[in-house]
N, C-alpha and C. Protein backbone atom coordinates (compact mmCIF):
# COMPACT_ATOMS: atom_id res chain seq x y z
N UNK A 1 31.82 -23.68 8.62
CA UNK A 1 32.14 -23.01 7.82
C UNK A 1 31.37 -22.17 6.82
N UNK A 2 30.33 -22.72 6.74
CA UNK A 2 29.12 -22.26 5.88
C UNK A 2 28.41 -21.15 6.44
N UNK A 3 28.27 -20.90 7.80
CA UNK A 3 27.75 -19.67 8.35
C UNK A 3 28.84 -18.55 8.33
N UNK A 4 30.17 -18.97 8.38
CA UNK A 4 31.15 -17.81 8.39
C UNK A 4 30.81 -17.28 6.98
N UNK A 5 30.87 -17.87 6.18
CA UNK A 5 30.91 -17.59 4.65
C UNK A 5 29.66 -16.77 4.15
N UNK A 6 28.38 -17.30 4.76
CA UNK A 6 27.01 -16.63 4.68
C UNK A 6 27.29 -15.33 5.35
N UNK A 7 27.64 -15.18 6.30
CA UNK A 7 27.72 -13.62 7.29
C UNK A 7 28.61 -13.07 6.45
N UNK A 8 29.69 -13.01 5.98
CA UNK A 8 30.52 -12.63 5.21
C UNK A 8 30.03 -12.07 3.70
N UNK A 9 29.20 -12.58 3.54
CA UNK A 9 28.60 -12.56 2.15
C UNK A 9 27.46 -11.58 2.35
N UNK A 10 26.68 -11.45 3.43
CA UNK A 10 25.78 -10.81 4.17
C UNK A 10 26.31 -9.52 4.54
N UNK A 11 27.66 -9.36 5.13
CA UNK A 11 27.95 -8.29 5.37
C UNK A 11 28.33 -7.36 4.17
N UNK A 12 29.04 -8.14 2.83
CA UNK A 12 29.35 -7.25 1.60
C UNK A 12 28.31 -6.51 1.23
N UNK A 13 26.90 -7.30 1.07
CA UNK A 13 26.27 -6.88 0.14
C UNK A 13 25.92 -5.26 0.55
N UNK A 14 25.49 -4.85 1.33
CA UNK A 14 25.37 -3.42 1.60
C UNK A 14 26.86 -2.69 1.18
N UNK A 15 27.87 -2.80 1.45
CA UNK A 15 29.22 -2.45 0.90
C UNK A 15 28.93 -2.30 -0.49
N UNK A 16 28.79 -3.18 -1.29
CA UNK A 16 28.74 -3.14 -2.57
C UNK A 16 27.94 -2.76 -2.96
N UNK A 17 26.59 -2.29 -2.62
CA UNK A 17 25.60 -1.61 -3.18
C UNK A 17 25.97 0.01 -3.05
N UNK A 18 26.58 0.43 -1.61
CA UNK A 18 27.05 1.74 -1.77
C UNK A 18 28.10 1.90 -2.72
N UNK A 19 29.22 1.32 -3.07
CA UNK A 19 30.10 1.29 -3.69
C UNK A 19 29.23 1.20 -5.12
N UNK A 20 28.61 0.90 -5.45
CA UNK A 20 27.79 0.87 -7.20
C UNK A 20 27.21 2.24 -7.00
N UNK A 21 26.58 2.57 -6.07
CA UNK A 21 25.59 3.79 -5.90
C UNK A 21 26.63 5.15 -6.10
N UNK A 22 27.48 5.07 -5.26
CA UNK A 22 28.58 6.28 -5.25
C UNK A 22 29.39 6.09 -6.60
N UNK A 23 29.64 5.18 -7.56
CA UNK A 23 30.16 5.27 -8.76
C UNK A 23 29.81 5.62 -9.80
N UNK A 24 28.53 6.17 -9.45
CA UNK A 24 27.44 6.56 -10.33
C UNK A 24 27.96 8.19 -10.79
N UNK A 25 28.00 8.58 -12.18
CA UNK A 25 28.49 10.31 -12.36
C UNK A 25 27.32 10.95 -11.66
N UNK A 26 27.99 12.28 -11.08
CA UNK A 26 27.23 13.40 -10.53
C UNK A 26 26.76 14.14 -11.38
N UNK A 27 25.25 14.41 -11.08
CA UNK A 27 24.94 15.48 -12.19
C UNK A 27 25.52 16.64 -12.49
N UNK A 28 25.39 17.03 -13.90
CA UNK A 28 25.72 18.43 -14.16
C UNK A 28 24.91 19.48 -13.80
N UNK A 29 25.28 20.60 -13.13
CA UNK A 29 24.72 21.42 -12.50
C UNK A 29 23.73 22.27 -13.48
N UNK A 30 23.98 22.14 -14.76
CA UNK A 30 22.85 22.72 -15.43
C UNK A 30 21.73 21.47 -15.71
N UNK A 31 21.64 20.36 -15.32
CA UNK A 31 20.65 19.63 -15.90
C UNK A 31 19.41 19.92 -14.75
N UNK A 32 18.33 19.70 -14.95
CA UNK A 32 17.15 20.41 -14.31
C UNK A 32 16.92 21.48 -14.33
N UNK A 33 18.02 22.60 -14.67
CA UNK A 33 17.72 23.96 -14.58
C UNK A 33 16.75 24.45 -15.60
N UNK A 34 16.00 25.48 -15.28
CA UNK A 34 14.70 26.17 -16.15
C UNK A 34 15.13 26.66 -16.97
N UNK A 35 14.78 26.47 -18.23
CA UNK A 35 15.24 27.54 -19.50
C UNK A 35 14.44 28.10 -20.15
N UNK A 36 14.49 29.25 -21.05
CA UNK A 36 13.67 29.88 -21.92
C UNK A 36 14.56 30.17 -23.22
N UNK A 37 13.99 29.18 -24.27
CA UNK A 37 14.83 29.57 -25.56
C UNK A 37 13.96 30.40 -26.55
N UNK A 38 14.36 31.37 -27.05
CA UNK A 38 13.39 31.75 -28.57
C UNK A 38 14.52 31.45 -29.76
N UNK A 39 13.87 31.01 -30.58
CA UNK A 39 14.30 30.72 -31.64
C UNK A 39 13.42 30.55 -32.94
N UNK A 40 14.09 29.72 -33.96
CA UNK A 40 13.13 29.39 -35.09
C UNK A 40 13.11 27.82 -35.26
N UNK A 41 11.99 27.37 -35.66
CA UNK A 41 11.75 25.90 -35.84
C UNK A 41 12.48 25.63 -37.18
N UNK A 42 13.92 24.72 -36.94
CA UNK A 42 14.23 24.16 -37.88
C UNK A 42 13.43 22.96 -38.53
N UNK A 43 12.74 22.18 -37.79
CA UNK A 43 12.31 21.13 -38.17
C UNK A 43 11.08 20.96 -36.66
N UNK A 44 10.05 20.13 -36.95
CA UNK A 44 9.29 19.57 -36.06
C UNK A 44 8.44 18.26 -36.57
N UNK A 45 8.69 17.41 -35.79
CA UNK A 45 7.73 15.92 -36.13
C UNK A 45 7.71 15.37 -35.05
N UNK A 46 6.14 14.59 -35.07
CA UNK A 46 5.75 14.06 -33.56
C UNK A 46 5.97 14.64 -32.95
N UNK A 47 6.73 14.20 -31.29
CA UNK A 47 7.26 14.93 -30.42
C UNK A 47 8.33 15.47 -30.44
N UNK A 48 8.94 15.51 -31.14
CA UNK A 48 10.73 16.29 -31.51
C UNK A 48 10.45 17.67 -32.23
N UNK A 49 11.71 18.47 -31.92
CA UNK A 49 11.47 19.70 -32.46
C UNK A 49 12.62 20.25 -32.68
N UNK A 50 13.60 20.49 -33.65
CA UNK A 50 14.60 21.20 -33.52
C UNK A 50 14.95 22.48 -33.83
N UNK A 51 15.40 23.60 -32.57
CA UNK A 51 15.08 24.65 -32.61
C UNK A 51 16.53 25.76 -33.04
N UNK A 52 16.76 26.55 -33.85
CA UNK A 52 17.62 27.55 -34.06
C UNK A 52 17.63 28.66 -33.10
N UNK A 53 18.44 28.55 -32.02
CA UNK A 53 18.27 29.64 -31.02
C UNK A 53 18.45 31.11 -31.85
N UNK A 54 17.84 32.22 -31.32
CA UNK A 54 18.17 33.49 -31.97
C UNK A 54 19.98 34.02 -31.28
N UNK A 55 20.16 33.47 -30.14
CA UNK A 55 21.35 33.77 -29.80
C UNK A 55 22.56 33.47 -30.85
N UNK A 56 22.10 32.48 -31.82
CA UNK A 56 23.28 31.97 -32.98
C UNK A 56 23.84 30.78 -32.48
N UNK A 57 23.27 30.04 -31.70
CA UNK A 57 24.35 29.13 -30.98
C UNK A 57 23.60 27.94 -32.19
N UNK A 58 24.41 26.34 -31.53
CA UNK A 58 23.90 25.36 -32.47
C UNK A 58 22.33 25.05 -32.33
N UNK A 59 22.12 24.05 -33.17
CA UNK A 59 20.61 23.76 -33.26
C UNK A 59 20.52 22.78 -31.81
N UNK A 60 19.13 23.28 -31.24
CA UNK A 60 18.62 22.73 -29.70
C UNK A 60 17.55 21.59 -30.25
N UNK A 61 17.81 20.40 -29.81
CA UNK A 61 16.87 19.48 -29.55
C UNK A 61 15.67 19.30 -28.44
N UNK A 62 14.50 19.91 -29.10
CA UNK A 62 13.45 19.90 -27.91
C UNK A 62 12.48 18.58 -27.85
N UNK A 63 12.62 18.18 -26.89
CA UNK A 63 11.55 16.96 -26.51
C UNK A 63 10.08 17.61 -25.99
N UNK A 64 9.14 17.22 -26.94
CA UNK A 64 7.41 17.61 -26.55
C UNK A 64 6.82 16.98 -25.75
N UNK A 65 7.20 15.59 -25.29
CA UNK A 65 6.56 14.81 -24.68
C UNK A 65 5.81 15.33 -23.56
N UNK A 66 6.03 16.45 -22.83
CA UNK A 66 5.46 17.25 -21.99
C UNK A 66 4.52 18.68 -22.04
N UNK A 67 4.55 18.58 -23.16
CA UNK A 67 3.66 19.80 -23.77
C UNK A 67 2.19 19.50 -24.28
N UNK A 68 1.38 19.96 -24.02
CA UNK A 68 -0.14 19.47 -24.71
C UNK A 68 0.07 19.80 -26.09
N UNK A 69 -0.36 18.91 -27.17
CA UNK A 69 -0.53 18.80 -28.57
C UNK A 69 -1.31 20.37 -28.80
N UNK A 70 -2.00 20.54 -28.02
CA UNK A 70 -2.76 21.90 -28.35
C UNK A 70 -1.93 23.13 -28.69
N UNK A 71 -0.42 23.03 -27.75
CA UNK A 71 0.51 24.32 -28.01
C UNK A 71 1.37 24.46 -29.07
N UNK A 72 1.54 23.11 -29.60
CA UNK A 72 2.10 23.22 -30.94
C UNK A 72 1.55 22.50 -31.76
N UNK A 73 0.44 22.46 -32.00
CA UNK A 73 -0.12 21.40 -33.15
C UNK A 73 0.07 22.23 -34.55
N UNK A 74 -0.07 23.73 -34.32
CA UNK A 74 0.21 24.83 -35.43
C UNK A 74 1.30 25.27 -35.53
N UNK A 75 2.58 24.75 -34.68
CA UNK A 75 4.08 25.29 -35.26
C UNK A 75 4.13 24.43 -36.43
N UNK A 76 5.14 25.17 -37.22
CA UNK A 76 5.43 24.41 -38.48
C UNK A 76 7.08 25.41 -38.79
N UNK A 77 7.51 24.78 -39.70
CA UNK A 77 8.99 24.73 -39.96
C UNK A 77 9.16 26.41 -40.17
N UNK A 78 9.98 27.18 -39.77
CA UNK A 78 10.48 28.44 -39.96
C UNK A 78 9.73 29.05 -39.04
N UNK A 79 8.65 29.14 -37.99
CA UNK A 79 8.22 29.55 -37.01
C UNK A 79 9.11 30.23 -36.01
N UNK A 80 8.92 31.44 -35.58
CA UNK A 80 9.67 31.70 -34.38
C UNK A 80 8.81 31.34 -33.15
N UNK A 81 9.40 30.61 -32.08
CA UNK A 81 8.85 30.31 -30.90
C UNK A 81 9.53 30.51 -29.98
N UNK A 82 8.79 30.63 -28.33
CA UNK A 82 9.48 30.59 -27.51
C UNK A 82 9.40 29.40 -26.34
N UNK A 83 10.24 28.71 -25.98
CA UNK A 83 10.14 27.01 -25.77
C UNK A 83 10.71 27.57 -23.92
N UNK A 84 9.78 26.78 -22.63
CA UNK A 84 9.95 26.82 -21.50
C UNK A 84 10.33 25.52 -21.49
N UNK A 85 11.26 24.95 -20.75
CA UNK A 85 11.58 23.93 -20.44
C UNK A 85 12.97 23.73 -19.48
N UNK A 86 13.36 22.53 -19.17
CA UNK A 86 14.40 22.29 -18.49
C UNK A 86 15.35 21.63 -19.07
N UNK A 87 16.82 21.38 -18.88
CA UNK A 87 17.63 20.84 -19.53
C UNK A 87 17.67 18.99 -19.03
N UNK A 88 17.43 18.36 -20.22
CA UNK A 88 17.90 16.94 -19.65
C UNK A 88 18.93 16.41 -18.96
N UNK A 89 18.65 15.16 -18.09
CA UNK A 89 19.67 14.65 -17.10
C UNK A 89 21.11 14.22 -18.17
N UNK A 90 20.80 14.41 -19.25
CA UNK A 90 22.10 13.75 -20.17
C UNK A 90 22.95 15.16 -20.88
N UNK A 91 22.02 16.22 -20.68
CA UNK A 91 22.32 17.34 -21.18
C UNK A 91 22.16 17.73 -22.72
N UNK A 92 21.82 16.62 -23.07
CA UNK A 92 21.58 16.34 -24.72
C UNK A 92 20.63 17.17 -25.36
N UNK A 93 19.52 17.61 -24.42
CA UNK A 93 18.04 18.19 -25.22
C UNK A 93 17.62 18.86 -24.02
N UNK A 94 16.37 19.73 -24.44
CA UNK A 94 15.50 20.54 -23.66
C UNK A 94 14.22 19.68 -23.62
N UNK A 95 13.74 19.25 -22.51
CA UNK A 95 12.73 18.71 -22.07
C UNK A 95 11.67 20.31 -22.00
N UNK A 96 10.66 20.15 -23.00
CA UNK A 96 9.95 21.64 -23.01
C UNK A 96 8.63 21.20 -22.02
N UNK A 97 8.14 22.34 -21.54
CA UNK A 97 6.93 22.23 -20.60
C UNK A 97 5.75 23.17 -21.40
N UNK A 98 6.28 24.42 -22.16
CA UNK A 98 5.42 24.92 -23.09
C UNK A 98 6.35 25.64 -24.28
N UNK A 99 5.37 25.41 -25.18
CA UNK A 99 6.02 26.13 -26.68
C UNK A 99 4.88 27.16 -27.06
N UNK A 100 5.64 28.54 -27.37
CA UNK A 100 4.27 29.50 -27.54
C UNK A 100 4.90 30.29 -28.91
N UNK A 101 4.02 30.33 -29.74
CA UNK A 101 4.52 30.96 -30.86
C UNK A 101 5.21 32.42 -30.58
N UNK A 102 6.17 33.21 -31.32
CA UNK A 102 7.07 33.96 -30.67
C UNK A 102 5.89 35.30 -30.92
N UNK A 103 5.24 35.54 -31.57
CA UNK A 103 4.25 36.70 -31.53
C UNK A 103 3.52 36.78 -30.07
N UNK A 104 2.88 35.72 -29.99
CA UNK A 104 2.18 35.30 -28.73
C UNK A 104 3.33 35.64 -27.17
N UNK A 105 4.59 35.23 -27.50
CA UNK A 105 5.33 35.04 -26.50
C UNK A 105 5.86 36.73 -26.33
N UNK A 106 5.98 37.46 -27.27
CA UNK A 106 6.23 39.05 -26.75
C UNK A 106 4.84 39.82 -26.14
N UNK A 107 3.68 38.99 -26.74
CA UNK A 107 2.80 39.78 -25.81
C UNK A 107 2.84 39.05 -24.56
N UNK A 108 3.13 38.20 -23.99
CA UNK A 108 2.99 37.61 -22.68
C UNK A 108 3.86 38.25 -21.79
N UNK A 109 4.88 39.00 -21.99
CA UNK A 109 6.01 39.34 -21.38
C UNK A 109 5.58 40.18 -20.42
C-alpha cells in the first residue's frame, strides 16, 4: 500500500507544478515595451525620479537603478529630460536605461 501511495504522490507532483505555473498571471502586452518619455522632473532622490510627462498625463515613477549615475547626477527638480527605458513587469513604473537633459535630447535626434 505504501508503494502505491508513493507512486501516486510522485505522479501528482508534476501535475501540481504545472497547475501552479499556469495559474500565474499572464504578462500585459505593455510590459517590457521600450518607451521614451519627455517631461519635467517633479522630484529626484537616490535612484528614483518622478516625471511629469509633456503629454499632460499623470506623473510617472522612474527607476534609475540601470542608469549610470553620470547621466543623471546633474538632474534637479524642474529640469526637462528625455527618459528611455521599459515598462516594469507590474506596469507601475518605467525602468530607465538612459536619462538625458532635454536640450541634449533635442540635439541628439
